Amino acid sequence: MSKASAEELYRLYNEENLSQREIGEKFGVGQAAVSNWMSELNVETDRAGKWSEKEKEVLKKNYPEEKGKLKEELEDRTWNAIKLKAMDLGLARNQDEYRYSEEVKEKLRDLAEESKIHADMDKKEEISYVLGVIDGDGFTDNKGTIGLETASQDFAEKFVSYLNKIGLNPNIGDRRDKKAVWASSLEFQEWFSSMGYSEKFEWLKYEGDFWKYLEGAYDSDGDLSHPGPRICSYNTEEKKFLKKILDHLGLQASIQQNNVYVSTESKERFFDKVDPVYEKRRP
């Protein structure tokens, strides 16, 4: 697998208007890998440039409830760019607005019926773990696919077990000398894609499980080559999100160039709560 250059990524994304998923297909990697490349190489990802006051007003008036209208009126903006700008403007939904999302849940249930696959949204711990994996080395697409490629048989089987627990009927096979895991649920993919980092934090805080999310993230991108555990990432917003979770849990942590590092003072508590699949990563 060859890594694309900054110039090539810029051309494909900004001039040929390919999505990160489509770029990934050209290089045989997932969307998350392309996102990491673009962050690492400082590739501009906002095709439309600076936000006008008119665009900001549209965002303030319609975010997050009117997703369809936002996509229509801000057609030059990617949904990811819309979510990031909403975070910049402080438009993330508060707890009450988030808990009001029964009609959203109902819509997702309808989508699940259409696809004949229903995700058990009551399995909060299991969903938290799956979210952590997806935010790490996992991926989703716009067709309802949730997947992972890993060199570890143990990690692949663990991810399969969690997908099974939430009712997604996963498959596992071999691809390019790796284990590939995939499942399909429009319900789950739509729900996952609808959340920015602020919304995800609220869900984990009030409904999910921060520790299981960290376990999924650590299984995906964890490392113990230093005295304390690290969760690797080149994505600035993702690193801020992980640091926010660790701070909330009372762990000492710092953001570094390509990871979020948990200090040795918090290492024991981290591993008391996070049970990684790789025993070699344990202290």
Protein backbone atom coordinates (compact mmCIF):
# COMPACT_ATOMS: atom_id res chain seq x y z
CA MET A 1 0.00 0.00 0.00
CA SER A 2 1.57 3.28 -1.12
CA LYS A 3 0.77 6.54 0.59
CA ALA A 4 -0.48 9.42 -1.54
CA SER A 5 1.43 12.69 -1.73
CA ALA A 6 0.00 15.99 -0.53
CA GLU A 7 -0.22 17.22 -4.13
CA GLU A 8 -2.10 14.10 -5.24
CA LEU A 9 -4.53 14.28 -2.33
CA TYR A 10 -5.18 17.98 -3.01
CA ARG A 11 -5.86 17.29 -6.70
CA LEU A 12 -8.19 14.36 -6.07
CA TYR A 13 -10.13 16.07 -3.30
CA ASN A 14 -10.27 19.71 -4.41
CA GLU A 15 -10.02 19.49 -8.21
CA GLU A 16 -11.67 16.14 -8.99
CA ASN A 17 -14.09 16.51 -6.04
CA LEU A 18 -13.67 12.93 -4.87
CA SER A 19 -14.75 12.07 -1.35
CA GLN A 20 -12.24 10.68 1.15
CA ARG A 21 -13.91 7.29 0.76
CA GLU A 22 -13.51 7.40 -3.03
CA ILE A 23 -9.86 8.43 -2.67
CA GLY A 24 -9.36 5.54 -0.26
CA GLU A 25 -10.74 3.10 -2.83
CA LYS A 26 -8.04 4.23 -5.27
CA PHE A 27 -5.30 3.41 -2.76
CA GLY A 28 -6.86 0.36 -1.14
CA VAL A 29 -7.45 1.97 2.26
CA GLY A 30 -10.41 3.15 4.30
CA GLN A 31 -11.77 6.68 4.69
CA ALA A 32 -10.15 7.06 8.12
CA ALA A 33 -6.68 6.46 6.65
CA VAL A 34 -7.24 9.15 3.99
CA SER A 35 -8.44 11.58 6.67
CA ASN A 36 -5.27 10.89 8.65
CA TRP A 37 -3.09 11.41 5.56
CA MET A 38 -4.73 14.74 4.81
CA SER A 39 -4.30 15.92 8.39
CA GLU A 40 -0.68 14.75 8.53
CA LEU A 41 0.21 16.42 5.22
CA ASN A 42 -1.84 19.58 5.95
CA VAL A 43 -3.99 19.17 2.85
CA GLU A 44 -6.74 21.79 2.65
CA THR A 45 -10.10 20.01 3.01
CA ASP A 46 -12.56 22.88 2.76
CA ARG A 47 -13.19 23.18 -0.95
CA ALA A 48 -15.35 26.25 -0.63
CA GLY A 49 -12.91 28.44 1.33
CA LYS A 50 -13.92 30.92 4.03
CA TRP A 51 -17.48 30.99 5.33
CA SER A 52 -19.59 34.00 4.39
CA GLU A 53 -21.91 35.67 6.89
CA LYS A 54 -24.87 34.44 4.83
CA GLU A 55 -23.64 30.83 5.10
CA LYS A 56 -23.16 31.21 8.85
CA GLU A 57 -26.74 32.48 9.22
CA VAL A 58 -28.04 29.48 7.28
CA LEU A 59 -26.06 27.22 9.59
CA LYS A 60 -27.28 28.93 12.77
CA LYS A 61 -30.89 28.75 11.61
CA ASN A 62 -30.94 25.11 10.55
CA TYR A 63 -28.29 23.14 12.47
CA PRO A 64 -28.69 20.34 13.44
CA GLU A 65 -32.36 19.58 12.80
CA GLU A 66 -32.61 20.52 9.09
CA LYS A 67 -29.83 18.34 7.70
CA GLY A 68 -31.41 18.08 4.24
CA LYS A 69 -31.89 21.85 3.98
CA LEU A 70 -28.31 22.45 5.10
CA LYS A 71 -26.95 20.14 2.43
CA GLU A 72 -29.12 21.86 -0.17
CA GLU A 73 -28.31 25.47 0.77
CA LEU A 74 -24.65 24.77 1.54
CA GLU A 75 -24.10 22.49 -1.44
CA ASP A 76 -20.43 23.47 -1.76
CA ARG A 77 -19.72 22.33 1.80
CA THR A 78 -19.10 18.75 2.87
CA TRP A 79 -21.17 17.50 5.80
CA ASN A 80 -17.96 17.18 7.80
CA ALA A 81 -17.12 20.85 7.09
CA ILE A 82 -20.64 21.82 8.20
CA LYS A 83 -20.28 19.93 11.48
CA LEU A 84 -16.85 21.44 12.19
CA LYS A 85 -18.10 24.97 11.53
CA ALA A 86 -21.12 24.29 13.74
CA MET A 87 -18.73 23.32 16.52
CA ASP A 88 -16.73 26.51 15.94
CA LEU A 89 -19.92 28.57 16.26
CA GLY A 90 -21.03 26.74 19.41
CA LEU A 91 -24.09 25.21 17.76
CA ALA A 92 -23.72 21.68 19.18
CA ARG A 93 -26.98 20.42 20.62
CA ASN A 94 -27.35 20.63 24.37
CA GLN A 95 -28.41 17.68 26.53
CA ASP A 96 -32.14 18.42 26.38
CA GLU A 97 -32.11 18.79 22.60
CA TYR A 98 -30.15 15.58 22.29
CA ARG A 99 -32.53 13.64 24.50
CA TYR A 100 -35.40 14.96 22.39
CA SER A 101 -34.22 12.84 19.48
CA GLU A 102 -37.03 10.24 19.68
CA GLU A 103 -38.27 11.22 16.23
CA VAL A 104 -34.73 10.75 14.94
CA LYS A 105 -34.62 7.32 16.55
CA GLU A 106 -37.97 6.52 14.95
CA LYS A 107 -36.61 7.50 11.55
CA LEU A 108 -33.60 5.27 12.12
CA ARG A 109 -35.87 2.38 13.06
CA ASP A 110 -37.71 2.85 9.76
CA LEU A 111 -34.40 2.75 7.90
CA ALA A 112 -33.49 -0.44 9.72
CA GLU A 113 -36.79 -2.03 8.65
CA GLU A 114 -36.09 -1.06 5.04
CA SER A 115 -32.66 -2.68 5.18
CA LYS A 116 -33.97 -5.62 7.25
CA ILE A 117 -31.17 -5.07 9.77
CA HIS A 118 -31.93 -3.69 13.20
CA ALA A 119 -29.27 -2.37 15.57
CA ASP A 120 -30.06 -2.90 19.25
CA MET A 121 -29.58 0.68 20.48
CA ASP A 122 -30.12 -0.45 24.09
CA LYS A 123 -26.69 -2.14 24.10
CA LYS A 124 -24.96 1.02 25.30
CA GLU A 125 -21.61 -0.47 26.37
CA GLU A 126 -21.27 -2.51 23.20
CA ILE A 127 -22.17 0.45 21.00
CA SER A 128 -19.63 2.60 22.86
CA TYR A 129 -16.90 0.07 22.05
CA VAL A 130 -17.92 -0.10 18.39
CA LEU A 131 -17.86 3.72 18.15
CA GLY A 132 -14.31 3.72 19.51
CA VAL A 133 -13.20 1.18 16.92
CA ILE A 134 -14.82 3.08 14.04
CA ASP A 135 -13.23 6.35 15.14
CA GLY A 136 -9.89 4.54 15.16
CA ASP A 137 -9.06 2.19 12.30
CA GLY A 138 -12.64 1.27 11.46
CA PHE A 139 -14.80 2.86 8.76
CA THR A 140 -18.34 3.46 7.54
CA ASP A 141 -19.66 4.41 4.12
CA ASN A 142 -22.86 6.00 2.83
CA LYS A 143 -24.40 2.61 2.07
CA GLY A 144 -24.68 1.43 5.67
CA THR A 145 -21.44 -0.57 5.79
CA ILE A 146 -19.43 -0.72 9.02
CA GLY A 147 -16.01 -2.35 8.73
CA LEU A 148 -12.47 -2.92 9.89
CA GLU A 149 -9.24 -4.31 8.47
CA THR A 150 -6.62 -5.50 10.93
CA ALA A 151 -3.57 -7.75 11.07
CA SER A 152 -4.83 -9.17 14.38
CA GLN A 153 -7.12 -12.20 14.38
CA ASP A 154 -7.94 -11.55 18.05
CA PHE A 155 -8.97 -7.94 17.42
CA ALA A 156 -11.07 -8.95 14.41
CA GLU A 157 -12.89 -11.60 16.44
CA LYS A 158 -13.45 -9.21 19.34
CA PHE A 159 -14.97 -6.62 16.99
CA VAL A 160 -17.16 -9.32 15.46
CA SER A 161 -18.41 -10.30 18.91
CA TYR A 162 -19.43 -6.70 19.73
CA LEU A 163 -21.15 -6.23 16.37
CA ASN A 164 -23.04 -9.47 17.03
CA LYS A 165 -24.13 -8.20 20.45
CA ILE A 166 -25.82 -5.19 18.88
CA GLY A 167 -27.44 -7.36 16.22
CA LEU A 168 -25.52 -6.38 13.08
CA ASN A 169 -24.75 -9.93 11.83
CA PRO A 170 -21.11 -9.28 10.86
CA ASN A 171 -18.92 -11.24 8.47
CA ILE A 172 -15.19 -11.92 8.72
CA GLY A 173 -12.74 -12.90 5.99
CA ASP A 174 -9.27 -12.33 4.56
CA ARG A 175 -8.23 -9.35 2.47
CA ARG A 176 -4.70 -8.28 1.48
CA ASP A 177 -3.07 -10.40 4.22
CA LYS A 178 -5.39 -8.89 6.82
CA LYS A 179 -8.58 -9.89 8.55
CA ALA A 180 -11.56 -7.95 7.22
CA VAL A 181 -14.73 -7.48 9.28
CA TRP A 182 -17.87 -5.94 7.83
CA ALA A 183 -21.53 -5.52 8.72
CA SER A 184 -24.42 -3.51 7.33
CA SER A 185 -26.98 -1.30 9.03
CA LEU A 186 -28.35 1.92 7.58
CA GLU A 187 -29.79 2.66 11.01
CA PHE A 188 -26.46 2.53 12.78
CA GLN A 189 -24.51 4.27 10.03
CA GLU A 190 -27.00 7.16 9.85
CA TRP A 191 -26.98 7.52 13.63
CA PHE A 192 -23.20 7.46 13.81
CA SER A 193 -22.78 9.93 10.93
CA SER A 194 -25.30 12.37 12.42
CA MET A 195 -23.09 13.07 15.45
CA GLY A 196 -20.26 15.55 15.73
CA TYR A 197 -17.72 15.22 18.52
CA SER A 198 -19.78 17.36 20.93
CA GLU A 199 -22.87 15.25 20.37
CA LYS A 200 -20.88 12.05 20.72
CA PHE A 201 -19.47 13.25 24.02
CA GLU A 202 -23.00 13.97 25.29
CA TRP A 203 -24.20 10.51 24.25
CA LEU A 204 -21.26 8.78 25.93
CA LYS A 205 -21.71 10.88 29.05
CA TYR A 206 -25.44 10.40 29.54
CA GLU A 207 -26.18 7.11 27.79
CA GLY A 208 -23.03 5.31 26.71
CA ASP A 209 -19.77 4.35 28.39
CA PHE A 210 -16.58 6.44 28.15
CA TRP A 211 -14.37 3.53 29.22
CA LYS A 212 -15.71 1.15 26.58
CA TYR A 213 -15.26 3.85 23.94
CA LEU A 214 -11.63 4.23 25.03
CA GLU A 215 -11.21 0.45 24.90
CA GLY A 216 -12.40 0.41 21.29
CA ALA A 217 -10.17 3.35 20.38
CA TYR A 218 -7.19 1.73 22.11
CA ASP A 219 -7.76 -1.63 20.41
CA SER A 220 -7.77 0.29 17.10
CA ASP A 221 -4.93 2.73 17.62
CA GLY A 222 -3.39 1.98 21.02
CA ASP A 223 0.29 1.75 21.78
CA LEU A 224 2.40 1.02 24.89
CA SER A 225 5.88 1.57 23.51
CA HIS A 226 6.20 4.49 25.93
CA PRO A 227 5.84 4.36 29.74
CA GLY A 228 2.18 5.29 29.48
CA PRO A 229 -0.52 4.19 27.01
CA ARG A 230 -1.06 6.25 23.86
CA ILE A 231 -3.98 6.46 21.43
CA CYS A 232 -2.57 7.43 18.06
CA SER A 233 -4.20 9.95 15.73
CA TYR A 234 -3.21 12.70 13.31
CA ASN A 235 -6.67 14.27 13.44
CA THR A 236 -6.60 17.44 15.57
CA GLU A 237 -10.30 17.36 16.47
CA GLU A 238 -10.18 13.68 17.34
CA LYS A 239 -7.21 14.24 19.65
CA LYS A 240 -9.06 17.08 21.40
CA PHE A 241 -12.07 14.80 21.78
CA LEU A 242 -10.00 12.00 23.34
CA LYS A 243 -8.29 14.46 25.68
CA LYS A 244 -11.70 15.80 26.74
CA ILE A 245 -12.84 12.27 27.63
CA LEU A 246 -9.66 11.53 29.60
CA ASP A 247 -9.95 14.84 31.44
CA HIS A 248 -13.58 14.09 32.29
CA LEU A 249 -12.54 10.72 33.72
CA GLY A 250 -9.85 12.36 35.83
CA LEU A 251 -6.85 10.91 33.99
CA GLN A 252 -3.71 12.91 33.36
CA ALA A 253 -3.14 13.12 29.62
CA SER A 254 -1.55 15.35 27.01
CA ILE A 255 -1.98 15.93 23.28
CA GLN A 256 1.14 15.17 21.25
CA GLN A 257 1.92 15.40 17.54
CA ASN A 258 0.47 12.05 16.53
CA ASN A 259 -1.23 10.76 19.69
CA VAL A 260 -2.91 11.45 23.00
CA TYR A 261 -0.64 10.27 25.79
CA VAL A 262 -1.85 9.01 29.20
CA SER A 263 0.77 9.76 31.85
CA THR A 264 2.33 7.05 34.00
CA GLU A 265 0.44 8.44 37.02
CA SER A 266 -2.84 7.46 35.34
CA LYS A 267 -1.61 4.28 33.63
CA GLU A 268 -2.78 1.87 36.34
CA ARG A 269 -6.30 3.33 36.49
CA PHE A 270 -6.49 3.35 32.69
CA PHE A 271 -5.78 -0.37 32.48
CA ASP A 272 -8.05 -1.13 35.44
CA LYS A 273 -10.93 0.10 33.28
CA VAL A 274 -9.68 -0.57 29.73
CA ASP A 275 -9.07 -4.22 28.84
CA PRO A 276 -7.27 -4.22 25.47
CA VAL A 277 -7.28 -7.21 23.17
CA TYR A 278 -3.49 -7.17 22.85
CA GLU A 279 -2.00 -8.62 26.03
CA LYS A 280 1.46 -7.39 24.99
CA ARG A 281 0.15 -3.87 25.50
CA ARG A 282 -0.65 -4.49 29.13
CA PRO A 283 1.80 -3.24 31.80
